[in-house]
Amino acid sequence: MRCMYCGCEDSKVIDSRSADEGRTIRRRRECVNCGKRFTTYETIEDTPVLVIKSSGLRQAFDPQKIKNGIIKSCEKRPVSLTSIDEIVSAVTKKVYNSMEQEISSKVIGEMVMEELKKVDEVAYVRYASVYRSFKDITSFMEELQKMMESKK
């Protein structure tokens, strides 16, 4: 890290502390050349992920949208907000760990359903009915049949 006073590239770290709820590290440094102290901040570089909607439009990935959809599907179900947050966190990690800069909304929806199925089957069916936009009772029943067969 270059000293802001003399331009020397050598400095030593005197103190490191977590800042910004653990997303940043604050480092107190001392220049080896002039002895003056200065502060630097180290943060995680967020690479933006774009979601490709079914219409072809692209928009920034927003975990809050996932959470809102899950909350709607879990309405009047015994699913805690902690469980919902864990699902959102798991899906968010999968999206960022994929290292893709663009990801289909269909892929994200499948990730959500995979996690939701583990927590509450009724909420899963509700989410799937909106996500897969069942056109009639037959397609709805087919999804229920798949669930019943996978339980056996």
N, C-alpha and C. Protein backbone atom coordinates (compact mmCIF):
# COMPACT_ATOMS: atom_id res chain seq x y z
N MET A 1 0.86 -1.17 0.00
CA MET A 1 0.00 0.00 0.00
C MET A 1 0.90 1.23 0.00
N ARG A 2 0.66 2.13 -0.91
CA ARG A 2 1.50 3.34 -1.06
C ARG A 2 1.14 4.36 0.03
N CYS A 3 2.19 4.91 0.67
CA CYS A 3 2.00 5.94 1.71
C CYS A 3 1.46 7.21 1.06
N MET A 4 0.44 7.79 1.67
CA MET A 4 -0.18 8.99 1.12
C MET A 4 0.65 10.25 1.37
N TYR A 5 1.67 10.14 2.25
CA TYR A 5 2.50 11.30 2.58
C TYR A 5 3.77 11.36 1.75
N CYS A 6 4.48 10.22 1.64
CA CYS A 6 5.77 10.24 0.93
C CYS A 6 5.78 9.38 -0.33
N GLY A 7 4.74 8.56 -0.55
CA GLY A 7 4.66 7.74 -1.75
C GLY A 7 5.39 6.41 -1.66
N CYS A 8 5.99 6.14 -0.53
CA CYS A 8 6.72 4.88 -0.35
C CYS A 8 5.73 3.70 -0.42
N GLU A 9 6.16 2.61 -1.05
CA GLU A 9 5.27 1.46 -1.21
C GLU A 9 5.35 0.47 -0.05
N ASP A 10 6.23 0.71 0.89
CA ASP A 10 6.37 -0.19 2.04
C ASP A 10 5.69 0.39 3.27
N SER A 11 4.82 -0.42 3.86
CA SER A 11 4.17 -0.03 5.11
C SER A 11 3.92 -1.28 5.92
N LYS A 12 3.72 -1.10 7.21
CA LYS A 12 3.40 -2.26 8.04
C LYS A 12 2.05 -2.03 8.71
N VAL A 13 1.33 -3.13 8.87
CA VAL A 13 0.01 -3.06 9.49
C VAL A 13 0.20 -3.05 11.01
N ILE A 14 -0.39 -2.05 11.65
CA ILE A 14 -0.29 -1.93 13.10
C ILE A 14 -1.52 -2.53 13.77
N ASP A 15 -2.71 -2.32 13.15
CA ASP A 15 -3.95 -2.79 13.74
C ASP A 15 -4.95 -3.11 12.63
N SER A 16 -5.69 -4.20 12.80
CA SER A 16 -6.76 -4.57 11.87
C SER A 16 -8.05 -4.77 12.65
N ARG A 17 -9.14 -4.22 12.13
CA ARG A 17 -10.44 -4.37 12.78
C ARG A 17 -11.52 -4.57 11.73
N SER A 18 -12.53 -5.30 12.12
CA SER A 18 -13.68 -5.49 11.26
C SER A 18 -14.54 -4.24 11.31
N ALA A 19 -15.09 -3.88 10.16
CA ALA A 19 -15.98 -2.72 10.09
C ALA A 19 -17.14 -3.05 9.17
N ASP A 20 -18.16 -2.21 9.18
CA ASP A 20 -19.32 -2.37 8.29
C ASP A 20 -19.92 -3.76 8.41
N GLU A 21 -20.20 -4.17 9.64
CA GLU A 21 -20.82 -5.47 9.94
C GLU A 21 -20.06 -6.64 9.34
N GLY A 22 -18.73 -6.56 9.36
CA GLY A 22 -17.90 -7.66 8.90
C GLY A 22 -17.65 -7.69 7.41
N ARG A 23 -18.16 -6.72 6.66
CA ARG A 23 -17.96 -6.69 5.21
C ARG A 23 -16.69 -5.93 4.82
N THR A 24 -16.08 -5.25 5.78
CA THR A 24 -14.90 -4.43 5.52
C THR A 24 -13.88 -4.66 6.62
N ILE A 25 -12.61 -4.58 6.24
CA ILE A 25 -11.53 -4.64 7.24
C ILE A 25 -10.84 -3.28 7.23
N ARG A 26 -10.76 -2.68 8.42
CA ARG A 26 -10.09 -1.38 8.58
C ARG A 26 -8.67 -1.68 9.06
N ARG A 27 -7.67 -1.18 8.34
CA ARG A 27 -6.28 -1.43 8.71
C ARG A 27 -5.58 -0.10 9.01
N ARG A 28 -4.92 -0.08 10.15
CA ARG A 28 -4.10 1.06 10.54
C ARG A 28 -2.68 0.71 10.11
N ARG A 29 -2.06 1.55 9.29
CA ARG A 29 -0.73 1.26 8.75
C ARG A 29 0.27 2.34 9.15
N GLU A 30 1.55 1.94 9.14
CA GLU A 30 2.64 2.89 9.39
C GLU A 30 3.65 2.77 8.26
N CYS A 31 4.01 3.92 7.69
CA CYS A 31 4.96 3.94 6.59
C CYS A 31 6.35 3.60 7.12
N VAL A 32 7.04 2.72 6.44
CA VAL A 32 8.39 2.31 6.82
C VAL A 32 9.39 3.44 6.59
N ASN A 33 9.11 4.28 5.59
CA ASN A 33 10.03 5.35 5.22
C ASN A 33 9.89 6.58 6.12
N CYS A 34 8.68 7.16 6.19
CA CYS A 34 8.50 8.42 6.94
C CYS A 34 7.92 8.23 8.34
N GLY A 35 7.40 7.07 8.64
CA GLY A 35 6.88 6.78 9.98
C GLY A 35 5.48 7.31 10.24
N LYS A 36 4.86 7.96 9.26
CA LYS A 36 3.51 8.48 9.48
C LYS A 36 2.49 7.35 9.35
N ARG A 37 1.36 7.55 10.00
CA ARG A 37 0.32 6.53 10.00
C ARG A 37 -0.86 6.94 9.13
N PHE A 38 -1.50 5.94 8.56
CA PHE A 38 -2.69 6.17 7.73
C PHE A 38 -3.59 4.95 7.81
N THR A 39 -4.84 5.12 7.41
CA THR A 39 -5.84 4.06 7.49
C THR A 39 -6.25 3.63 6.09
N THR A 40 -6.39 2.31 5.91
CA THR A 40 -6.90 1.77 4.64
C THR A 40 -8.09 0.88 4.95
N TYR A 41 -8.92 0.68 3.97
CA TYR A 41 -10.09 -0.19 4.11
C TYR A 41 -10.05 -1.24 3.01
N GLU A 42 -10.29 -2.47 3.39
CA GLU A 42 -10.33 -3.58 2.44
C GLU A 42 -11.76 -4.10 2.40
N THR A 43 -12.35 -4.15 1.21
CA THR A 43 -13.73 -4.62 1.07
C THR A 43 -13.82 -5.72 0.02
N ILE A 44 -14.87 -6.49 0.11
CA ILE A 44 -15.13 -7.53 -0.87
C ILE A 44 -15.66 -6.85 -2.13
N GLU A 45 -15.11 -7.23 -3.26
CA GLU A 45 -15.58 -6.67 -4.52
C GLU A 45 -16.79 -7.45 -4.99
N ASP A 46 -17.91 -6.77 -5.06
CA ASP A 46 -19.14 -7.41 -5.53
C ASP A 46 -19.19 -7.32 -7.04
N THR A 47 -19.28 -8.49 -7.67
CA THR A 47 -19.46 -8.49 -9.12
C THR A 47 -20.96 -8.54 -9.37
N PRO A 48 -21.47 -7.59 -10.12
CA PRO A 48 -22.92 -7.57 -10.34
C PRO A 48 -23.38 -8.78 -11.16
N VAL A 49 -24.48 -9.35 -10.75
CA VAL A 49 -25.09 -10.46 -11.47
C VAL A 49 -26.39 -9.95 -12.07
N LEU A 50 -26.57 -10.18 -13.36
CA LEU A 50 -27.80 -9.77 -14.02
C LEU A 50 -28.71 -10.98 -14.19
N VAL A 51 -29.98 -10.77 -13.94
CA VAL A 51 -30.99 -11.82 -14.10
C VAL A 51 -31.67 -11.60 -15.45
N ILE A 52 -31.71 -12.68 -16.24
CA ILE A 52 -32.38 -12.62 -17.53
C ILE A 52 -33.81 -13.10 -17.33
N LYS A 53 -34.75 -12.18 -17.45
CA LYS A 53 -36.16 -12.49 -17.25
C LYS A 53 -36.69 -13.26 -18.47
N SER A 54 -37.85 -13.89 -18.32
CA SER A 54 -38.43 -14.66 -19.42
C SER A 54 -38.75 -13.78 -20.63
N SER A 55 -38.96 -12.49 -20.40
CA SER A 55 -39.24 -11.55 -21.49
C SER A 55 -37.96 -11.14 -22.23
N GLY A 56 -36.80 -11.54 -21.68
CA GLY A 56 -35.52 -11.17 -22.29
C GLY A 56 -34.88 -9.96 -21.65
N LEU A 57 -35.63 -9.25 -20.81
CA LEU A 57 -35.07 -8.10 -20.12
C LEU A 57 -34.07 -8.55 -19.08
N ARG A 58 -33.12 -7.69 -18.79
CA ARG A 58 -32.11 -7.98 -17.78
C ARG A 58 -32.22 -6.97 -16.66
N GLN A 59 -32.07 -7.46 -15.43
CA GLN A 59 -32.06 -6.57 -14.28
C GLN A 59 -31.12 -7.13 -13.22
N ALA A 60 -30.69 -6.27 -12.32
CA ALA A 60 -29.74 -6.66 -11.28
C ALA A 60 -30.38 -7.70 -10.36
N PHE A 61 -29.56 -8.67 -9.95
CA PHE A 61 -30.02 -9.70 -9.01
C PHE A 61 -30.36 -9.04 -7.68
N ASP A 62 -31.53 -9.34 -7.15
CA ASP A 62 -32.00 -8.75 -5.90
C ASP A 62 -32.56 -9.84 -4.99
N PRO A 63 -31.80 -10.24 -3.96
CA PRO A 63 -32.27 -11.28 -3.04
C PRO A 63 -33.60 -10.93 -2.36
N GLN A 64 -33.89 -9.64 -2.23
CA GLN A 64 -35.14 -9.22 -1.59
C GLN A 64 -36.36 -9.69 -2.40
N LYS A 65 -36.23 -9.74 -3.72
CA LYS A 65 -37.33 -10.22 -4.56
C LYS A 65 -37.59 -11.70 -4.30
N ILE A 66 -36.53 -12.47 -4.10
CA ILE A 66 -36.67 -13.89 -3.77
C ILE A 66 -37.39 -14.02 -2.43
N LYS A 67 -36.96 -13.23 -1.47
CA LYS A 67 -37.55 -13.29 -0.13
C LYS A 67 -39.04 -12.95 -0.19
N ASN A 68 -39.40 -11.93 -0.94
CA ASN A 68 -40.81 -11.53 -1.04
C ASN A 68 -41.66 -12.66 -1.63
N GLY A 69 -41.14 -13.33 -2.67
CA GLY A 69 -41.87 -14.44 -3.28
C GLY A 69 -42.04 -15.61 -2.32
N ILE A 70 -40.99 -15.90 -1.56
CA ILE A 70 -41.06 -17.00 -0.60
C ILE A 70 -42.04 -16.67 0.53
N ILE A 71 -42.01 -15.44 0.99
CA ILE A 71 -42.93 -15.02 2.06
C ILE A 71 -44.38 -15.20 1.61
N LYS A 72 -44.68 -14.83 0.36
CA LYS A 72 -46.04 -15.01 -0.16
C LYS A 72 -46.43 -16.48 -0.19
N SER A 73 -45.50 -17.34 -0.61
CA SER A 73 -45.83 -18.77 -0.70
C SER A 73 -45.93 -19.41 0.68
N CYS A 74 -45.32 -18.81 1.69
CA CYS A 74 -45.34 -19.38 3.05
C CYS A 74 -46.42 -18.75 3.93
N GLU A 75 -47.24 -17.89 3.34
CA GLU A 75 -48.30 -17.24 4.10
C GLU A 75 -49.20 -18.27 4.77
N LYS A 76 -49.47 -18.07 6.05
CA LYS A 76 -50.32 -18.96 6.86
C LYS A 76 -49.76 -20.38 6.94
N ARG A 77 -48.44 -20.50 6.84
CA ARG A 77 -47.76 -21.78 6.98
C ARG A 77 -46.79 -21.67 8.15
N PRO A 78 -46.48 -22.80 8.80
CA PRO A 78 -45.58 -22.76 9.96
C PRO A 78 -44.10 -22.69 9.55
N VAL A 79 -43.77 -21.67 8.76
CA VAL A 79 -42.38 -21.49 8.31
C VAL A 79 -41.86 -20.19 8.93
N SER A 80 -40.79 -20.31 9.70
CA SER A 80 -40.24 -19.15 10.40
C SER A 80 -39.51 -18.23 9.43
N LEU A 81 -39.38 -16.98 9.83
CA LEU A 81 -38.64 -16.01 9.04
C LEU A 81 -37.17 -16.41 8.95
N THR A 82 -36.68 -17.08 9.98
CA THR A 82 -35.30 -17.57 9.97
C THR A 82 -35.11 -18.59 8.85
N SER A 83 -36.08 -19.50 8.69
CA SER A 83 -36.01 -20.49 7.62
C SER A 83 -36.04 -19.81 6.25
N ILE A 84 -36.87 -18.80 6.12
CA ILE A 84 -36.96 -18.06 4.86
C ILE A 84 -35.63 -17.39 4.56
N ASP A 85 -35.04 -16.75 5.58
CA ASP A 85 -33.75 -16.10 5.40
C ASP A 85 -32.66 -17.10 5.02
N GLU A 86 -32.73 -18.31 5.58
CA GLU A 86 -31.75 -19.35 5.25
C GLU A 86 -31.90 -19.78 3.78
N ILE A 87 -33.14 -19.88 3.31
CA ILE A 87 -33.38 -20.23 1.90
C ILE A 87 -32.81 -19.13 1.00
N VAL A 88 -33.12 -17.89 1.32
CA VAL A 88 -32.62 -16.75 0.52
C VAL A 88 -31.10 -16.74 0.52
N SER A 89 -30.51 -16.98 1.67
CA SER A 89 -29.05 -17.01 1.78
C SER A 89 -28.45 -18.13 0.94
N ALA A 90 -29.06 -19.32 0.99
CA ALA A 90 -28.56 -20.46 0.22
C ALA A 90 -28.65 -20.19 -1.28
N VAL A 91 -29.76 -19.63 -1.72
CA VAL A 91 -29.94 -19.33 -3.15
C VAL A 91 -28.96 -18.24 -3.58
N THR A 92 -28.81 -17.21 -2.76
CA THR A 92 -27.89 -16.12 -3.07
C THR A 92 -26.46 -16.65 -3.21
N LYS A 93 -26.07 -17.53 -2.29
CA LYS A 93 -24.72 -18.13 -2.37
C LYS A 93 -24.56 -18.92 -3.66
N LYS A 94 -25.58 -19.70 -4.01
CA LYS A 94 -25.51 -20.48 -5.25
C LYS A 94 -25.37 -19.58 -6.47
N VAL A 95 -26.12 -18.48 -6.47
CA VAL A 95 -26.07 -17.56 -7.61
C VAL A 95 -24.67 -16.96 -7.74
N TYR A 96 -24.11 -16.47 -6.64
CA TYR A 96 -22.78 -15.86 -6.70
C TYR A 96 -21.68 -16.89 -6.90
N ASN A 97 -21.84 -18.09 -6.35
CA ASN A 97 -20.83 -19.14 -6.53
C ASN A 97 -20.83 -19.71 -7.94
N SER A 98 -21.90 -19.49 -8.69
CA SER A 98 -21.94 -19.98 -10.07
C SER A 98 -20.92 -19.22 -10.93
N MET A 99 -20.48 -18.07 -10.46
CA MET A 99 -19.49 -17.24 -11.15
C MET A 99 -20.00 -16.74 -12.51
N GLU A 100 -21.29 -16.83 -12.73
CA GLU A 100 -21.90 -16.32 -13.96
C GLU A 100 -22.25 -14.84 -13.77
N GLN A 101 -22.06 -14.04 -14.79
CA GLN A 101 -22.46 -12.64 -14.71
C GLN A 101 -23.92 -12.46 -15.07
N GLU A 102 -24.47 -13.44 -15.79
CA GLU A 102 -25.89 -13.42 -16.15
C GLU A 102 -26.47 -14.79 -15.84
N ILE A 103 -27.65 -14.78 -15.24
CA ILE A 103 -28.31 -16.03 -14.88
C ILE A 103 -29.79 -15.91 -15.18
N SER A 104 -30.38 -16.97 -15.65
CA SER A 104 -31.79 -16.98 -16.01
C SER A 104 -32.67 -16.98 -14.76
N SER A 105 -33.78 -16.28 -14.84
CA SER A 105 -34.73 -16.28 -13.72
C SER A 105 -35.29 -17.68 -13.50
N LYS A 106 -35.33 -18.49 -14.56
CA LYS A 106 -35.81 -19.87 -14.45
C LYS A 106 -34.87 -20.69 -13.56
N VAL A 107 -33.58 -20.49 -13.72
CA VAL A 107 -32.59 -21.20 -12.91
C VAL A 107 -32.73 -20.81 -11.44
N ILE A 108 -32.91 -19.52 -11.20
CA ILE A 108 -33.09 -19.03 -9.82
C ILE A 108 -34.36 -19.62 -9.23
N GLY A 109 -35.44 -19.65 -10.01
CA GLY A 109 -36.71 -20.21 -9.54
C GLY A 109 -36.56 -21.67 -9.16
N GLU A 110 -35.80 -22.43 -9.96
CA GLU A 110 -35.57 -23.84 -9.65
C GLU A 110 -34.78 -23.99 -8.35
N MET A 111 -33.80 -23.10 -8.15
CA MET A 111 -33.02 -23.13 -6.91
C MET A 111 -33.92 -22.88 -5.70
N VAL A 112 -34.80 -21.91 -5.82
CA VAL A 112 -35.73 -21.57 -4.74
C VAL A 112 -36.63 -22.77 -4.44
N MET A 113 -37.18 -23.37 -5.49
CA MET A 113 -38.09 -24.50 -5.29
C MET A 113 -37.38 -25.68 -4.64
N GLU A 114 -36.14 -25.92 -5.04
CA GLU A 114 -35.35 -27.01 -4.46
C GLU A 114 -35.20 -26.82 -2.95
N GLU A 115 -34.90 -25.59 -2.54
CA GLU A 115 -34.73 -25.29 -1.11
C GLU A 115 -36.07 -25.28 -0.38
N LEU A 116 -37.11 -24.75 -1.00
CA LEU A 116 -38.43 -24.63 -0.39
C LEU A 116 -39.05 -26.00 -0.16
N LYS A 117 -38.78 -26.93 -1.06
CA LYS A 117 -39.32 -28.29 -0.95
C LYS A 117 -38.83 -28.97 0.33
N LYS A 118 -37.61 -28.64 0.76
CA LYS A 118 -37.03 -29.22 1.98
C LYS A 118 -37.71 -28.69 3.24
N VAL A 119 -38.26 -27.48 3.14
CA VAL A 119 -38.82 -26.81 4.33
C VAL A 119 -40.32 -27.04 4.48
N ASP A 120 -41.09 -26.84 3.41
CA ASP A 120 -42.54 -26.96 3.50
C ASP A 120 -43.12 -27.30 2.13
N GLU A 121 -43.76 -28.45 2.03
CA GLU A 121 -44.27 -28.91 0.74
C GLU A 121 -45.42 -28.07 0.21
N VAL A 122 -46.26 -27.58 1.10
CA VAL A 122 -47.39 -26.74 0.66
C VAL A 122 -46.86 -25.42 0.10
N ALA A 123 -45.90 -24.83 0.79
CA ALA A 123 -45.29 -23.59 0.30
C ALA A 123 -44.60 -23.83 -1.03
N TYR A 124 -43.98 -25.01 -1.16
CA TYR A 124 -43.33 -25.38 -2.43
C TYR A 124 -44.35 -25.42 -3.56
N VAL A 125 -45.49 -26.06 -3.33
CA VAL A 125 -46.53 -26.17 -4.37
C VAL A 125 -47.07 -24.79 -4.71
N ARG A 126 -47.26 -23.95 -3.70
CA ARG A 126 -47.73 -22.59 -3.96
C ARG A 126 -46.73 -21.83 -4.84
N TYR A 127 -45.47 -21.91 -4.47
CA TYR A 127 -44.43 -21.21 -5.25
C TYR A 127 -44.38 -21.76 -6.67
N ALA A 128 -44.42 -23.09 -6.79
CA ALA A 128 -44.36 -23.74 -8.10
C ALA A 128 -45.55 -23.35 -8.97
N SER A 129 -46.73 -23.21 -8.34
CA SER A 129 -47.93 -22.87 -9.13
C SER A 129 -47.80 -21.49 -9.76
N VAL A 130 -47.17 -20.56 -9.06
CA VAL A 130 -46.96 -19.23 -9.63
C VAL A 130 -45.78 -19.25 -10.59
N TYR A 131 -44.69 -19.88 -10.15
CA TYR A 131 -43.46 -19.90 -10.94
C TYR A 131 -43.65 -20.63 -12.27
N ARG A 132 -44.28 -21.78 -12.22
CA ARG A 132 -44.47 -22.57 -13.44
C ARG A 132 -45.76 -22.20 -14.16
N SER A 133 -46.52 -21.30 -13.59
CA SER A 133 -47.80 -20.82 -14.13
C SER A 133 -48.65 -21.95 -14.71
N PHE A 134 -49.11 -22.82 -13.79
CA PHE A 134 -49.96 -23.93 -14.20
C PHE A 134 -51.17 -23.39 -14.93
N LYS A 135 -51.45 -23.96 -16.08
CA LYS A 135 -52.55 -23.47 -16.91
C LYS A 135 -53.89 -24.11 -16.56
N ASP A 136 -53.82 -25.31 -15.98
CA ASP A 136 -55.06 -25.98 -15.60
C ASP A 136 -54.78 -26.96 -14.45
N ILE A 137 -55.82 -27.60 -13.98
CA ILE A 137 -55.72 -28.52 -12.85
C ILE A 137 -54.86 -29.73 -13.19
N THR A 138 -54.83 -30.14 -14.46
CA THR A 138 -54.04 -31.30 -14.87
C THR A 138 -52.55 -31.08 -14.64
N SER A 139 -52.05 -29.92 -15.06
CA SER A 139 -50.62 -29.63 -14.86
C SER A 139 -50.31 -29.51 -13.37
N PHE A 140 -51.25 -29.00 -12.60
CA PHE A 140 -51.09 -28.90 -11.15
C PHE A 140 -51.02 -30.30 -10.54
N MET A 141 -51.90 -31.18 -10.98
CA MET A 141 -51.92 -32.55 -10.46
C MET A 141 -50.65 -33.31 -10.84
N GLU A 142 -50.13 -33.07 -12.03
CA GLU A 142 -48.89 -33.72 -12.45
C GLU A 142 -47.74 -33.37 -11.51
N GLU A 143 -47.68 -32.12 -11.11
CA GLU A 143 -46.63 -31.69 -10.16
C GLU A 143 -46.82 -32.38 -8.82
N LEU A 144 -48.07 -32.49 -8.36
CA LEU A 144 -48.33 -33.19 -7.10
C LEU A 144 -47.96 -34.67 -7.20
N GLN A 145 -48.23 -35.27 -8.34
CA GLN A 145 -47.87 -36.68 -8.56
C GLN A 145 -46.37 -36.88 -8.45
N LYS A 146 -45.61 -35.98 -9.06
CA LYS A 146 -44.15 -36.05 -8.99
C LYS A 146 -43.68 -35.99 -7.54
N MET A 147 -44.31 -35.10 -6.76
CA MET A 147 -43.94 -34.98 -5.36
C MET A 147 -44.24 -36.26 -4.60
N MET A 148 -45.41 -36.84 -4.86
CA MET A 148 -45.82 -38.06 -4.17
C MET A 148 -44.88 -39.22 -4.51
N GLU A 149 -44.49 -39.33 -5.77
CA GLU A 149 -43.58 -40.39 -6.19
C GLU A 149 -42.20 -40.23 -5.60
N SER A 150 -41.74 -38.99 -5.47
CA SER A 150 -40.41 -38.76 -4.91
C SER A 150 -40.35 -39.05 -3.41
N LYS A 151 -41.51 -39.00 -2.74
CA LYS A 151 -41.57 -39.29 -1.31
C LYS A 151 -41.46 -40.79 -1.03
N LYS A 152 -41.83 -41.61 -2.02
CA LYS A 152 -41.84 -43.06 -1.82
C LYS A 152 -40.49 -43.65 -1.79
